[in-house]
C-alpha atoms as a PDB file:
ATOM      1  CA  MET A   1      96.761-106.386 -13.941  1.00  0.00           C
ATOM      2  CA  LEU A   2      93.448-107.305 -15.585  1.00  0.00           C
ATOM      3  CA  ASN A   3      93.519-110.496 -13.555  1.00  0.00           C
ATOM      4  CA  ASP A   4      93.963-108.850 -10.155  1.00  0.00           C
ATOM      5  CA  LEU A   5      91.446-109.249  -7.360  1.00  0.00           C
ATOM      6  CA  ALA A   6      89.658-105.927  -7.915  1.00  0.00           C
ATOM      7  CA  PHE A   7      89.177-106.527 -11.631  1.00  0.00           C
ATOM      8  CA  ARG A   8      87.885-110.068 -11.031  1.00  0.00           C
ATOM      9  CA  ALA A   9      85.488-108.697  -8.409  1.00  0.00           C
ATOM     10  CA  MET A  10      84.136-106.130 -10.870  1.00  0.00           C
ATOM     11  CA  GLU A  11      83.801-108.763 -13.587  1.00  0.00           C
ATOM     12  CA  SER A  12      81.930-111.105 -11.243  1.00  0.00           C
ATOM     13  CA  SER A  13      79.698-108.255 -10.112  1.00  0.00           C
ATOM     14  CA  LEU A  14      78.724-107.554 -13.711  1.00  0.00           C
ATOM     15  CA  LYS A  15      77.809-111.205 -14.194  1.00  0.00           C
ATOM     16  CA  GLY A  16      75.682-111.120 -11.033  1.00  0.00           C
ATOM     17  CA  LEU A  17      73.944-107.925 -12.131  1.00  0.00           C
ATOM     18  CA  LYS A  18      73.215-109.511 -15.512  1.00  0.00           C
ATOM     19  CA  LEU A  19      71.596-112.445 -13.723  1.00  0.00           C
ATOM     20  CA  GLN A  20      69.573-110.007 -11.613  1.00  0.00           C
ATOM     21  CA  GLN A  21      68.423-108.100 -14.695  1.00  0.00           C
ATOM     22  CA  ASP A  22      67.437-111.351 -16.413  1.00  0.00           C
ATOM     23  CA  ALA A  23      65.306-112.338 -13.397  1.00  0.00           C
ATOM     24  CA  ILE A  24      63.602-108.932 -13.314  1.00  0.00           C
ATOM     25  CA  ILE A  25      62.872-109.006 -17.053  1.00  0.00           C
ATOM     26  CA  HIS A  26      61.521-112.541 -16.695  1.00  0.00           C
ATOM     27  CA  ASN A  27      59.237-111.348 -13.885  1.00  0.00           C
ATOM     28  CA  ILE A  28      57.960-108.445 -15.969  1.00  0.00           C
ATOM     29  CA  ALA A  29      57.357-110.736 -18.954  1.00  0.00           C
ATOM     30  CA  ASN A  30      55.209-112.983 -16.747  1.00  0.00           C
ATOM     31  CA  ILE A  31      53.132-110.226 -15.157  1.00  0.00           C
ATOM     32  CA  GLU A  32      49.921-111.725 -16.612  1.00  0.00           C
ATOM     33  CA  THR A  33      50.776-115.404 -16.028  1.00  0.00           C
ATOM     34  CA  PRO A  34      48.438-116.915 -13.423  1.00  0.00           C
ATOM     35  CA  GLY A  35      50.291-118.599 -10.575  1.00  0.00           C
ATOM     36  CA  TYR A  36      53.681-117.169 -11.559  1.00  0.00           C
ATOM     37  CA  LYS A  37      55.940-116.483  -8.591  1.00  0.00           C
ATOM     38  CA  ALA A  38      58.437-113.634  -8.811  1.00  0.00           C
ATOM     39  CA  LYS A  39      62.119-114.504  -8.806  1.00  0.00           C
ATOM     40  CA  SER A  40      64.902-112.502  -7.212  1.00  0.00           C
ATOM     41  CA  VAL A  41      68.667-112.723  -7.055  1.00  0.00           C
ATOM     42  CA  SER A  42      70.459-112.788  -3.707  1.00  0.00           C
ATOM     43  CA  PHE A  43      74.075-111.793  -3.131  1.00  0.00           C
ATOM     44  CA  ASP A  44      74.066-112.316   0.649  1.00  0.00           C
ATOM     45  CA  ASN A  45      76.383-115.308   0.531  1.00  0.00           C
ATOM     46  CA  ILE A  46      79.134-113.138  -0.981  1.00  0.00           C
ATOM     47  CA  LEU A  47      79.018-110.760   1.959  1.00  0.00           C
ATOM     48  CA  GLU A  48      79.023-113.682   4.379  1.00  0.00           C
ATOM     49  CA  GLN A  49      82.185-115.100   2.768  1.00  0.00           C
ATOM     50  CA  ALA A  50      83.944-111.771   3.207  1.00  0.00           C
ATOM     51  CA  ARG A  51      82.931-111.663   6.877  1.00  0.00           C
ATOM     52  CA  GLN A  52      84.272-115.171   7.432  1.00  0.00           C
ATOM     53  CA  GLY A  53      87.754-114.176   6.306  1.00  0.00           C
ATOM     54  CA  ASN A  54      87.696-115.233   2.653  1.00  0.00           C
ATOM     55  CA  ALA A  55      88.218-111.651   1.495  1.00  0.00           C
ATOM     56  CA  GLY A  56      91.361-112.606  -0.446  1.00  0.00           C
ATOM     57  CA  ARG A  57      89.373-115.011  -2.624  1.00  0.00           C
ATOM     58  CA  TYR A  58      86.256-114.042  -4.523  1.00  0.00           C
ATOM     59  CA  ASP A  59      83.895-116.846  -5.361  1.00  0.00           C
ATOM     60  CA  PHE A  60      80.815-114.958  -6.494  1.00  0.00           C
ATOM     61  CA  LYS A  61      77.706-117.076  -6.525  1.00  0.00           C
ATOM     62  CA  ALA A  62      74.397-115.337  -6.861  1.00  0.00           C
ATOM     63  CA  LEU A  63      71.329-117.263  -5.786  1.00  0.00           C
ATOM     64  CA  VAL A  64      68.073-117.107  -7.734  1.00  0.00           C
ATOM     65  CA  GLU A  65      65.157-117.486  -5.350  1.00  0.00           C
ATOM     66  CA  GLU A  66      61.441-117.777  -5.991  1.00  0.00           C
ATOM     67  CA  ASP A  67      59.055-115.832  -3.741  1.00  0.00           C
ATOM     68  CA  LEU A  68      56.532-118.449  -2.676  1.00  0.00           C
ATOM     69  CA  TYR A  69      55.025-116.605   0.258  1.00  0.00           C
ATOM     70  CA  THR A  70      53.391-113.458  -1.076  1.00  0.00           C
ATOM     71  CA  GLU A  71      50.406-113.132  -3.357  1.00  0.00           C
ATOM     72  CA  SER A  72      49.441-109.788  -4.741  1.00  0.00           C
ATOM     73  CA  ARG A  73      46.575-110.931  -6.951  1.00  0.00           C
ATOM     74  CA  PRO A  74      43.756-113.494  -6.749  1.00  0.00           C
ATOM     75  CA  ASP A  75      45.294-115.509  -9.625  1.00  0.00           C
ATOM     76  CA  GLY A  76      48.365-116.301  -7.495  1.00  0.00           C
ATOM     77  CA  ASN A  77      50.773-114.072  -9.431  1.00  0.00           C
ATOM     78  CA  ASN A  78      52.893-112.008  -7.034  1.00  0.00           C
ATOM     79  CA  VAL A  79      54.833-109.793  -9.466  1.00  0.00           C
ATOM     80  CA  ASP A  80      54.736-106.137  -8.375  1.00  0.00           C
ATOM     81  CA  ILE A  81      55.469-104.170 -11.553  1.00  0.00           C
ATOM     82  CA  ASP A  82      56.427-101.009  -9.662  1.00  0.00           C
ATOM     83  CA  GLN A  83      58.953-102.870  -7.515  1.00  0.00           C
ATOM     84  CA  GLU A  84      60.373-104.667 -10.556  1.00  0.00           C
ATOM     85  CA  ASN A  85      60.853-101.374 -12.411  1.00  0.00           C
ATOM     86  CA  ILE A  86      62.608 -99.812  -9.419  1.00  0.00           C
ATOM     87  CA  GLU A  87      64.936-102.810  -9.107  1.00  0.00           C
ATOM     88  CA  LEU A  88      65.666-102.763 -12.849  1.00  0.00           C
ATOM     89  CA  VAL A  89      66.641 -99.084 -12.765  1.00  0.00           C
ATOM     90  CA  GLY A  90      68.831 -99.660  -9.689  1.00  0.00           C
ATOM     91  CA  SER A  91      70.553-102.568 -11.375  1.00  0.00           C
ATOM     92  CA  TYR A  92      71.110-100.456 -14.487  1.00  0.00           C
ATOM     93  CA  PHE A  93      72.828 -97.707 -12.468  1.00  0.00           C
ATOM     94  CA  GLN A  94      75.025-100.239 -10.672  1.00  0.00           C
ATOM     95  CA  THR A  95      76.005-101.732 -14.031  1.00  0.00           C
ATOM     96  CA  MET A  96      76.873 -98.330 -15.494  1.00  0.00           C
ATOM     97  CA  ALA A  97      78.993 -97.481 -12.440  1.00  0.00           C
ATOM     98  CA  LEU A  98      80.922-100.737 -12.824  1.00  0.00           C
ATOM     99  CA  TYR A  99      81.478-100.105 -16.544  1.00  0.00           C
ATOM    100  CA  GLN A 100      82.882 -96.678 -15.705  1.00  0.00           C
ATOM    101  CA  LYS A 101      85.170 -98.173 -13.060  1.00  0.00           C
ATOM    102  CA  ILE A 102      86.424-100.848 -15.452  1.00  0.00           C
ATOM    103  CA  GLY A 103      86.918 -98.235 -18.176  1.00  0.00           C
ATOM    104  CA  GLY A 104      88.964 -96.147 -15.745  1.00  0.00           C
ATOM    105  CA  ARG A 105      91.176 -99.120 -14.905  1.00  0.00           C
ATOM    106  CA  ILE A 106      91.780 -99.814 -18.588  1.00  0.00           C
ATOM    107  CA  SER A 107      92.599 -96.128 -19.207  1.00  0.00           C
ATOM    108  CA  ASP A 108      95.114 -96.259 -16.365  1.00  0.00           C
ATOM    109  CA  LEU A 109      96.743 -99.325 -17.920  1.00  0.00           C
ATOM    110  CA  ARG A 110      96.946 -97.626 -21.320  1.00  0.00           C
ATOM    111  CA  TYR A 111      98.656 -94.661 -19.700  1.00  0.00           C
ATOM    112  CA  VAL A 112     101.175 -96.844 -17.870  1.00  0.00           C
ATOM    113  CA  ILE A 113     101.936 -98.875 -20.991  1.00  0.00           C
ATOM    114  CA  GLY A 114     102.282 -95.671 -23.029  1.00  0.00           C
ATOM    115  CA  GLN A 115     104.746 -94.238 -20.494  1.00  0.00           C
ATOM    116  CA  ALA A 116     106.788 -97.438 -20.515  1.00  0.00           C
ATOM    117  CA  PHE A 117     107.453 -97.200 -24.245  1.00  0.00           C
ATOM    118  CA  LYS A 118     108.469 -93.509 -24.363  1.00  0.00           C
END
């Protein structure tokens, strides 16, 4: 049951969100680095796979992309601290929601196992 499609999807989502949080934290850490280009994580290819009929198989691959086209400061650094903070908070809430969902699944399994041994 912990290896079913929904659980694997939640596990993969947590890994992708961790990658996203790492990219955001890396961007924030380099806010004063001249020429640094912000990085972002894209999950678009996952949605495309589902649209193409691969919904029964989850192959989560997040893409880390560097923003080479925008400059917000004369030194070439394009990190927008406000945007990074908003994305970090959003990622945090998504992570917490997934942890709650996984916790609920595990609680359900405990209940079922407990009922089986009564």
